[in-house]
Amino acid sequence: MRKLVGLALVAGTLLVSACNTVEGVGKDVSSAGKTVAKTADDAK
């Protein structure tokens, strides 16, 4: 029973950290897109 609880805690921790990582990547990609769009507008 203790192994099952421990495994559930580890799985939960990994799941939460994965969500934060995906959110961070999304912000980085969004920022890069805005920078490219701004550079394209400035080049017009």
PDB file of N, CA and C in Angstrom:
ATOM      1  N   MET A   1       0.830  -1.197   0.000  1.00  0.00           N
ATOM      2  CA  MET A   1       0.000   0.000   0.000  1.00  0.00           C
ATOM      3  C   MET A   1       0.876   1.263   0.000  1.00  0.00           C
ATOM      4  N   ARG A   2       1.964   1.236   0.771  1.00  0.00           N
ATOM      5  CA  ARG A   2       2.844   2.411   0.815  1.00  0.00           C
ATOM      6  C   ARG A   2       3.494   2.661  -0.542  1.00  0.00           C
ATOM      7  N   LYS A   3       3.846   1.584  -1.245  1.00  0.00           N
ATOM      8  CA  LYS A   3       4.446   1.751  -2.571  1.00  0.00           C
ATOM      9  C   LYS A   3       3.461   2.413  -3.519  1.00  0.00           C
ATOM     10  N   LEU A   4       2.206   2.031  -3.434  1.00  0.00           N
ATOM     11  CA  LEU A   4       1.184   2.594  -4.298  1.00  0.00           C
ATOM     12  C   LEU A   4       1.005   4.092  -4.023  1.00  0.00           C
ATOM     13  N   VAL A   5       0.974   4.466  -2.758  1.00  0.00           N
ATOM     14  CA  VAL A   5       0.831   5.874  -2.389  1.00  0.00           C
ATOM     15  C   VAL A   5       2.059   6.657  -2.847  1.00  0.00           C
ATOM     16  N   GLY A   6       3.237   6.088  -2.640  1.00  0.00           N
ATOM     17  CA  GLY A   6       4.469   6.750  -3.076  1.00  0.00           C
ATOM     18  C   GLY A   6       4.500   6.931  -4.582  1.00  0.00           C
ATOM     19  N   LEU A   7       4.095   5.914  -5.302  1.00  0.00           N
ATOM     20  CA  LEU A   7       4.054   5.996  -6.755  1.00  0.00           C
ATOM     21  C   LEU A   7       3.051   7.048  -7.218  1.00  0.00           C
ATOM     22  N   ALA A   8       1.920   7.137  -6.560  1.00  0.00           N
ATOM     23  CA  ALA A   8       0.912   8.138  -6.906  1.00  0.00           C
ATOM     24  C   ALA A   8       1.438   9.550  -6.653  1.00  0.00           C
ATOM     25  N   LEU A   9       2.175   9.747  -5.576  1.00  0.00           N
ATOM     26  CA  LEU A   9       2.753  11.063  -5.277  1.00  0.00           C
ATOM     27  C   LEU A   9       3.786  11.455  -6.329  1.00  0.00           C
ATOM     28  N   VAL A  10       4.630  10.515  -6.706  1.00  0.00           N
ATOM     29  CA  VAL A  10       5.647  10.794  -7.728  1.00  0.00           C
ATOM     30  C   VAL A  10       4.973  11.108  -9.065  1.00  0.00           C
ATOM     31  N   ALA A  11       3.984  10.332  -9.434  1.00  0.00           N
ATOM     32  CA  ALA A  11       3.275  10.566 -10.692  1.00  0.00           C
ATOM     33  C   ALA A  11       2.582  11.933 -10.676  1.00  0.00           C
ATOM     34  N   GLY A  12       1.985  12.296  -9.566  1.00  0.00           N
ATOM     35  CA  GLY A  12       1.335  13.596  -9.450  1.00  0.00           C
ATOM     36  C   GLY A  12       2.318  14.743  -9.575  1.00  0.00           C
ATOM     37  N   THR A  13       3.471  14.591  -8.958  1.00  0.00           N
ATOM     38  CA  THR A  13       4.509  15.619  -9.030  1.00  0.00           C
ATOM     39  C   THR A  13       5.000  15.794 -10.462  1.00  0.00           C
ATOM     40  N   LEU A  14       5.230  14.689 -11.146  1.00  0.00           N
ATOM     41  CA  LEU A  14       5.678  14.764 -12.539  1.00  0.00           C
ATOM     42  C   LEU A  14       4.617  15.400 -13.428  1.00  0.00           C
ATOM     43  N   LEU A  15       3.378  15.090 -13.178  1.00  0.00           N
ATOM     44  CA  LEU A  15       2.290  15.644 -13.980  1.00  0.00           C
ATOM     45  C   LEU A  15       2.207  17.158 -13.808  1.00  0.00           C
ATOM     46  N   VAL A  16       2.323  17.627 -12.573  1.00  0.00           N
ATOM     47  CA  VAL A  16       2.252  19.064 -12.312  1.00  0.00           C
ATOM     48  C   VAL A  16       3.444  19.781 -12.937  1.00  0.00           C
ATOM     49  N   SER A  17       4.637  19.211 -12.808  1.00  0.00           N
ATOM     50  CA  SER A  17       5.811  19.865 -13.379  1.00  0.00           C
ATOM     51  C   SER A  17       5.754  19.864 -14.896  1.00  0.00           C
ATOM     52  N   ALA A  18       5.175  18.846 -15.499  1.00  0.00           N
ATOM     53  CA  ALA A  18       5.039  18.802 -16.959  1.00  0.00           C
ATOM     54  C   ALA A  18       4.108  19.907 -17.433  1.00  0.00           C
ATOM     55  N   CYS A  19       3.054  20.176 -16.700  1.00  0.00           N
ATOM     56  CA  CYS A  19       2.137  21.245 -17.085  1.00  0.00           C
ATOM     57  C   CYS A  19       2.845  22.590 -17.049  1.00  0.00           C
ATOM     58  N   ASN A  20       3.648  22.828 -16.031  1.00  0.00           N
ATOM     59  CA  ASN A  20       4.390  24.080 -15.941  1.00  0.00           C
ATOM     60  C   ASN A  20       5.384  24.203 -17.084  1.00  0.00           C
ATOM     61  N   THR A  21       6.010  23.108 -17.460  1.00  0.00           N
ATOM     62  CA  THR A  21       6.975  23.134 -18.551  1.00  0.00           C
ATOM     63  C   THR A  21       6.282  23.459 -19.872  1.00  0.00           C
ATOM     64  N   VAL A  22       5.155  22.851 -20.128  1.00  0.00           N
ATOM     65  CA  VAL A  22       4.416  23.105 -21.364  1.00  0.00           C
ATOM     66  C   VAL A  22       3.952  24.558 -21.406  1.00  0.00           C
ATOM     67  N   GLU A  23       3.524  25.072 -20.281  1.00  0.00           N
ATOM     68  CA  GLU A  23       3.085  26.466 -20.234  1.00  0.00           C
ATOM     69  C   GLU A  23       4.257  27.398 -20.538  1.00  0.00           C
ATOM     70  N   GLY A  24       5.418  27.105 -19.985  1.00  0.00           N
ATOM     71  CA  GLY A  24       6.609  27.925 -20.234  1.00  0.00           C
ATOM     72  C   GLY A  24       7.021  27.892 -21.692  1.00  0.00           C
ATOM     73  N   VAL A  25       6.962  26.737 -22.302  1.00  0.00           N
ATOM     74  CA  VAL A  25       7.308  26.615 -23.718  1.00  0.00           C
ATOM     75  C   VAL A  25       6.322  27.419 -24.557  1.00  0.00           C
ATOM     76  N   GLY A  26       5.062  27.359 -24.203  1.00  0.00           N
ATOM     77  CA  GLY A  26       4.054  28.132 -24.932  1.00  0.00           C
ATOM     78  C   GLY A  26       4.327  29.621 -24.857  1.00  0.00           C
ATOM     79  N   LYS A  27       4.726  30.098 -23.701  1.00  0.00           N
ATOM     80  CA  LYS A  27       5.054  31.525 -23.551  1.00  0.00           C
ATOM     81  C   LYS A  27       6.273  31.891 -24.382  1.00  0.00           C
ATOM     82  N   ASP A  28       7.280  31.019 -24.401  1.00  0.00           N
ATOM     83  CA  ASP A  28       8.489  31.282 -25.187  1.00  0.00           C
ATOM     84  C   ASP A  28       8.173  31.350 -26.675  1.00  0.00           C
ATOM     85  N   VAL A  29       7.365  30.418 -27.164  1.00  0.00           N
ATOM     86  CA  VAL A  29       7.005  30.395 -28.579  1.00  0.00           C
ATOM     87  C   VAL A  29       6.185  31.636 -28.924  1.00  0.00           C
ATOM     88  N   SER A  30       5.291  32.019 -28.046  1.00  0.00           N
ATOM     89  CA  SER A  30       4.478  33.210 -28.276  1.00  0.00           C
ATOM     90  C   SER A  30       5.355  34.458 -28.342  1.00  0.00           C
ATOM     91  N   SER A  31       6.307  34.561 -27.449  1.00  0.00           N
ATOM     92  CA  SER A  31       7.222  35.698 -27.434  1.00  0.00           C
ATOM     93  C   SER A  31       8.053  35.752 -28.707  1.00  0.00           C
ATOM     94  N   ALA A  32       8.541  34.605 -29.143  1.00  0.00           N
ATOM     95  CA  ALA A  32       9.333  34.554 -30.376  1.00  0.00           C
ATOM     96  C   ALA A  32       8.478  34.966 -31.571  1.00  0.00           C
ATOM     97  N   GLY A  33       7.241  34.532 -31.612  1.00  0.00           N
ATOM     98  CA  GLY A  33       6.339  34.908 -32.702  1.00  0.00           C
ATOM     99  C   GLY A  33       6.084  36.401 -32.740  1.00  0.00           C
ATOM    100  N   LYS A  34       5.903  36.994 -31.597  1.00  0.00           N
ATOM    101  CA  LYS A  34       5.684  38.439 -31.531  1.00  0.00           C
ATOM    102  C   LYS A  34       6.913  39.190 -32.009  1.00  0.00           C
ATOM    103  N   THR A  35       8.086  38.714 -31.649  1.00  0.00           N
ATOM    104  CA  THR A  35       9.328  39.359 -32.077  1.00  0.00           C
ATOM    105  C   THR A  35       9.484  39.279 -33.588  1.00  0.00           C
ATOM    106  N   VAL A  36       9.200  38.124 -34.174  1.00  0.00           N
ATOM    107  CA  VAL A  36       9.293  37.974 -35.630  1.00  0.00           C
ATOM    108  C   VAL A  36       8.277  38.890 -36.315  1.00  0.00           C
ATOM    109  N   ALA A  37       7.069  38.955 -35.794  1.00  0.00           N
ATOM    110  CA  ALA A  37       6.042  39.804 -36.388  1.00  0.00           C
ATOM    111  C   ALA A  37       6.437  41.285 -36.320  1.00  0.00           C
ATOM    112  N   LYS A  38       7.003  41.689 -35.204  1.00  0.00           N
ATOM    113  CA  LYS A  38       7.446  43.075 -35.043  1.00  0.00           C
ATOM    114  C   LYS A  38       8.575  43.397 -36.012  1.00  0.00           C
ATOM    115  N   THR A  39       9.504  42.482 -36.165  1.00  0.00           N
ATOM    116  CA  THR A  39      10.618  42.689 -37.095  1.00  0.00           C
ATOM    117  C   THR A  39      10.098  42.784 -38.529  1.00  0.00           C
ATOM    118  N   ALA A  40       9.132  41.950 -38.874  1.00  0.00           N
ATOM    119  CA  ALA A  40       8.547  42.002 -40.219  1.00  0.00           C
ATOM    120  C   ALA A  40       7.829  43.324 -40.455  1.00  0.00           C
ATOM    121  N   ASP A  41       7.126  43.815 -39.447  1.00  0.00           N
ATOM    122  CA  ASP A  41       6.433  45.099 -39.584  1.00  0.00           C
ATOM    123  C   ASP A  41       7.423  46.242 -39.732  1.00  0.00           C
ATOM    124  N   ASP A  42       8.531  46.174 -39.007  1.00  0.00           N
ATOM    125  CA  ASP A  42       9.556  47.222 -39.077  1.00  0.00           C
ATOM    126  C   ASP A  42      10.254  47.219 -40.433  1.00  0.00           C
ATOM    127  N   ALA A  43      10.341  46.077 -41.083  1.00  0.00           N
ATOM    128  CA  ALA A  43      11.029  45.972 -42.373  1.00  0.00           C
ATOM    129  C   ALA A  43      10.184  46.474 -43.539  1.00  0.00           C
ATOM    130  N   LYS A  44       8.903  46.675 -43.326  1.00  0.00           N
ATOM    131  CA  LYS A  44       8.010  47.110 -44.420  1.00  0.00           C
ATOM    132  C   LYS A  44       8.358  48.492 -44.903  1.00  0.00           C
TER     133      LYS A  44
END
